[in-house]
Amino acid sequence: MATLPNCLDFESANDPRAVTSGDGKVTFDPIETMPAGDREEYTVTCKPTDNGSVCCESALTSKVLEREVIGEEPTRLSETSNN
């Protein structure tokens, strides 16, 4: 699951699984099994509604982990104009 800051509007997700979005959260269908060494990449596209620095957060849960794994990605936003 990815949590979006208030100044980002979800536009789309390009990933190998189904996705749902709402209330600033983007959730991907679970991975049933994954062999060691395999990987999946998820891309979430958003539109900024403001300028400034933000931190996007993603969380991974698993039946074999004691707690969820949190990743953060800082970025600087620049609201663009359609003029």
N, C-alpha and C. Protein backbone atom coordinates (compact mmCIF):
# COMPACT_ATOMS: atom_id res chain seq x y z
N MET A 1 0.84 -1.17 0.00
CA MET A 1 0.00 0.00 0.00
C MET A 1 0.89 1.23 0.00
N ALA A 2 0.52 2.21 -0.79
CA ALA A 2 1.22 3.49 -0.82
C ALA A 2 0.31 4.55 -0.22
N THR A 3 0.88 5.42 0.60
CA THR A 3 0.14 6.53 1.20
C THR A 3 0.64 7.81 0.55
N LEU A 4 -0.28 8.57 -0.03
CA LEU A 4 0.08 9.79 -0.73
C LEU A 4 -0.13 11.01 0.15
N PRO A 5 0.78 11.98 0.09
CA PRO A 5 0.58 13.23 0.80
C PRO A 5 -0.65 13.95 0.25
N ASN A 6 -1.22 14.85 1.05
CA ASN A 6 -2.43 15.58 0.65
C ASN A 6 -2.26 16.38 -0.63
N CYS A 7 -1.04 16.78 -0.96
CA CYS A 7 -0.81 17.62 -2.14
C CYS A 7 -0.55 16.81 -3.41
N LEU A 8 -0.86 15.51 -3.39
CA LEU A 8 -0.75 14.67 -4.58
C LEU A 8 -2.09 14.02 -4.88
N ASP A 9 -2.53 14.12 -6.12
CA ASP A 9 -3.76 13.47 -6.57
C ASP A 9 -3.37 12.25 -7.40
N PHE A 10 -3.89 11.09 -7.04
CA PHE A 10 -3.62 9.86 -7.76
C PHE A 10 -4.16 9.96 -9.18
N GLU A 11 -3.33 9.54 -10.17
CA GLU A 11 -3.76 9.50 -11.57
C GLU A 11 -3.84 8.07 -12.09
N SER A 12 -2.78 7.28 -11.87
CA SER A 12 -2.76 5.92 -12.40
C SER A 12 -1.69 5.10 -11.69
N ALA A 13 -1.74 3.79 -11.95
CA ALA A 13 -0.71 2.89 -11.45
C ALA A 13 -0.39 1.89 -12.55
N ASN A 14 0.89 1.63 -12.75
CA ASN A 14 1.35 0.68 -13.75
C ASN A 14 2.05 -0.43 -12.99
N ASP A 15 1.40 -1.57 -12.90
CA ASP A 15 1.95 -2.64 -12.09
C ASP A 15 1.40 -3.98 -12.55
N PRO A 16 1.96 -5.07 -12.05
CA PRO A 16 1.50 -6.39 -12.46
C PRO A 16 0.24 -6.87 -11.75
N ARG A 17 -0.30 -6.10 -10.84
CA ARG A 17 -1.47 -6.51 -10.05
C ARG A 17 -2.58 -5.47 -10.15
N ALA A 18 -3.77 -5.88 -9.78
CA ALA A 18 -4.90 -4.94 -9.75
C ALA A 18 -4.66 -3.92 -8.63
N VAL A 19 -5.18 -2.71 -8.82
CA VAL A 19 -4.96 -1.63 -7.87
C VAL A 19 -6.28 -0.94 -7.55
N THR A 20 -6.41 -0.48 -6.32
CA THR A 20 -7.53 0.35 -5.91
C THR A 20 -6.96 1.60 -5.26
N SER A 21 -7.72 2.70 -5.34
CA SER A 21 -7.24 3.94 -4.73
C SER A 21 -8.40 4.69 -4.11
N GLY A 22 -8.08 5.48 -3.09
CA GLY A 22 -9.05 6.32 -2.43
C GLY A 22 -8.53 6.79 -1.09
N ASP A 23 -8.96 7.95 -0.67
CA ASP A 23 -8.57 8.52 0.63
C ASP A 23 -7.06 8.62 0.78
N GLY A 24 -6.35 8.95 -0.31
CA GLY A 24 -4.90 9.12 -0.24
C GLY A 24 -4.11 7.83 -0.13
N LYS A 25 -4.76 6.69 -0.39
CA LYS A 25 -4.07 5.40 -0.32
C LYS A 25 -4.22 4.67 -1.65
N VAL A 26 -3.16 3.99 -2.05
CA VAL A 26 -3.16 3.15 -3.25
C VAL A 26 -2.82 1.75 -2.79
N THR A 27 -3.73 0.80 -3.04
CA THR A 27 -3.56 -0.57 -2.56
C THR A 27 -3.49 -1.52 -3.74
N PHE A 28 -2.54 -2.44 -3.68
CA PHE A 28 -2.33 -3.43 -4.73
C PHE A 28 -2.79 -4.79 -4.26
N ASP A 29 -3.33 -5.60 -5.18
CA ASP A 29 -3.72 -6.96 -4.82
C ASP A 29 -2.50 -7.72 -4.30
N PRO A 30 -2.71 -8.65 -3.37
CA PRO A 30 -1.59 -9.37 -2.77
C PRO A 30 -0.86 -10.29 -3.75
N ILE A 31 0.38 -10.54 -3.43
CA ILE A 31 1.19 -11.53 -4.14
C ILE A 31 1.05 -12.83 -3.36
N GLU A 32 0.52 -13.85 -3.99
CA GLU A 32 0.29 -15.12 -3.27
C GLU A 32 1.60 -15.81 -2.92
N THR A 33 2.49 -15.98 -3.88
CA THR A 33 3.82 -16.56 -3.63
C THR A 33 4.82 -15.84 -4.51
N MET A 34 6.06 -15.79 -4.02
CA MET A 34 7.14 -15.18 -4.80
C MET A 34 8.43 -15.94 -4.49
N PRO A 35 9.00 -16.58 -5.49
CA PRO A 35 10.26 -17.30 -5.28
C PRO A 35 11.39 -16.34 -4.89
N ALA A 36 12.34 -16.85 -4.15
CA ALA A 36 13.50 -16.06 -3.76
C ALA A 36 14.19 -15.50 -5.00
N GLY A 37 14.56 -14.23 -4.94
CA GLY A 37 15.25 -13.58 -6.04
C GLY A 37 14.32 -12.90 -7.04
N ASP A 38 13.03 -13.24 -7.02
CA ASP A 38 12.08 -12.57 -7.91
C ASP A 38 11.78 -11.17 -7.40
N ARG A 39 11.25 -10.33 -8.27
CA ARG A 39 10.86 -8.99 -7.87
C ARG A 39 9.70 -8.51 -8.71
N GLU A 40 8.96 -7.56 -8.18
CA GLU A 40 7.90 -6.88 -8.90
C GLU A 40 8.08 -5.39 -8.68
N GLU A 41 7.83 -4.62 -9.73
CA GLU A 41 7.94 -3.17 -9.64
C GLU A 41 6.57 -2.55 -9.79
N TYR A 42 6.33 -1.52 -9.01
CA TYR A 42 5.06 -0.80 -9.01
C TYR A 42 5.33 0.67 -9.27
N THR A 43 4.58 1.26 -10.19
CA THR A 43 4.72 2.68 -10.50
C THR A 43 3.39 3.37 -10.25
N VAL A 44 3.42 4.40 -9.42
CA VAL A 44 2.22 5.19 -9.13
C VAL A 44 2.45 6.59 -9.70
N THR A 45 1.52 7.07 -10.53
CA THR A 45 1.62 8.39 -11.13
C THR A 45 0.60 9.31 -10.47
N CYS A 46 1.09 10.47 -10.03
CA CYS A 46 0.24 11.44 -9.34
C CYS A 46 0.43 12.81 -9.95
N LYS A 47 -0.53 13.69 -9.68
CA LYS A 47 -0.44 15.08 -10.11
C LYS A 47 -0.31 15.96 -8.87
N PRO A 48 0.72 16.82 -8.84
CA PRO A 48 0.86 17.71 -7.68
C PRO A 48 -0.21 18.81 -7.69
N THR A 49 -0.70 19.14 -6.52
CA THR A 49 -1.67 20.22 -6.38
C THR A 49 -1.05 21.41 -5.65
N ASP A 50 0.24 21.30 -5.33
CA ASP A 50 0.94 22.35 -4.60
C ASP A 50 2.42 22.19 -4.86
N ASN A 51 3.22 23.13 -4.41
CA ASN A 51 4.67 23.07 -4.52
C ASN A 51 5.26 22.70 -3.16
N GLY A 52 6.48 22.20 -3.17
CA GLY A 52 7.17 21.94 -1.92
C GLY A 52 7.73 20.54 -1.82
N SER A 53 8.29 20.24 -0.67
CA SER A 53 8.88 18.92 -0.42
C SER A 53 7.86 18.02 0.28
N VAL A 54 7.81 16.78 -0.15
CA VAL A 54 6.92 15.80 0.46
C VAL A 54 7.66 14.47 0.60
N CYS A 55 7.05 13.58 1.35
CA CYS A 55 7.60 12.24 1.50
C CYS A 55 6.47 11.24 1.24
N CYS A 56 6.63 10.41 0.22
CA CYS A 56 5.65 9.37 -0.09
C CYS A 56 6.07 8.11 0.67
N GLU A 57 5.08 7.39 1.16
CA GLU A 57 5.35 6.21 1.99
C GLU A 57 4.69 4.98 1.40
N SER A 58 5.39 3.86 1.45
CA SER A 58 4.79 2.59 1.03
C SER A 58 5.02 1.57 2.14
N ALA A 59 4.08 0.62 2.24
CA ALA A 59 4.16 -0.40 3.29
C ALA A 59 3.98 -1.78 2.67
N LEU A 60 4.75 -2.72 3.14
CA LEU A 60 4.68 -4.11 2.69
C LEU A 60 4.41 -4.99 3.90
N THR A 61 3.43 -5.85 3.77
CA THR A 61 3.14 -6.81 4.84
C THR A 61 3.30 -8.22 4.28
N SER A 62 3.61 -9.15 5.18
CA SER A 62 3.82 -10.54 4.79
C SER A 62 3.49 -11.45 5.96
N LYS A 63 3.04 -12.65 5.64
CA LYS A 63 2.75 -13.63 6.69
C LYS A 63 4.02 -14.06 7.43
N VAL A 64 5.17 -13.94 6.80
CA VAL A 64 6.42 -14.40 7.43
C VAL A 64 7.17 -13.28 8.16
N LEU A 65 6.73 -12.03 8.02
CA LEU A 65 7.38 -10.92 8.72
C LEU A 65 6.62 -10.60 10.01
N GLU A 66 7.37 -10.21 11.03
CA GLU A 66 6.75 -9.88 12.32
C GLU A 66 5.99 -8.55 12.26
N ARG A 67 6.43 -7.63 11.41
CA ARG A 67 5.76 -6.34 11.28
C ARG A 67 5.91 -5.84 9.85
N GLU A 68 5.13 -4.84 9.48
CA GLU A 68 5.20 -4.34 8.12
C GLU A 68 6.51 -3.60 7.87
N VAL A 69 6.94 -3.61 6.62
CA VAL A 69 8.15 -2.91 6.20
C VAL A 69 7.70 -1.60 5.56
N ILE A 70 8.29 -0.50 6.01
CA ILE A 70 7.93 0.83 5.52
C ILE A 70 9.08 1.39 4.69
N GLY A 71 8.74 1.92 3.52
CA GLY A 71 9.72 2.61 2.67
C GLY A 71 9.24 4.03 2.45
N GLU A 72 10.18 4.96 2.41
CA GLU A 72 9.83 6.36 2.18
C GLU A 72 10.64 6.91 1.01
N GLU A 73 10.01 7.77 0.22
CA GLU A 73 10.66 8.39 -0.92
C GLU A 73 10.41 9.89 -0.88
N PRO A 74 11.43 10.67 -0.52
CA PRO A 74 11.25 12.13 -0.52
C PRO A 74 11.33 12.67 -1.95
N THR A 75 10.58 13.70 -2.21
CA THR A 75 10.64 14.35 -3.52
C THR A 75 10.21 15.81 -3.39
N ARG A 76 10.53 16.58 -4.38
CA ARG A 76 10.16 17.99 -4.42
C ARG A 76 9.11 18.17 -5.51
N LEU A 77 8.01 18.80 -5.17
CA LEU A 77 6.90 18.99 -6.10
C LEU A 77 6.94 20.36 -6.72
N SER A 78 6.52 20.42 -7.97
CA SER A 78 6.37 21.69 -8.68
C SER A 78 5.06 21.62 -9.44
N GLU A 79 4.07 22.37 -8.97
CA GLU A 79 2.76 22.37 -9.63
C GLU A 79 2.91 22.96 -11.02
N THR A 80 2.38 22.26 -12.01
CA THR A 80 2.51 22.73 -13.39
C THR A 80 1.22 23.40 -13.84
N SER A 81 1.36 24.29 -14.78
CA SER A 81 0.21 25.00 -15.32
C SER A 81 -0.12 24.46 -16.71
N ASN A 82 -1.39 24.40 -17.05
CA ASN A 82 -1.82 23.96 -18.37
C ASN A 82 -2.01 25.11 -19.35
N ASN A 83 -1.49 26.29 -19.00
CA ASN A 83 -1.65 27.47 -19.87
C ASN A 83 -0.71 27.40 -21.05
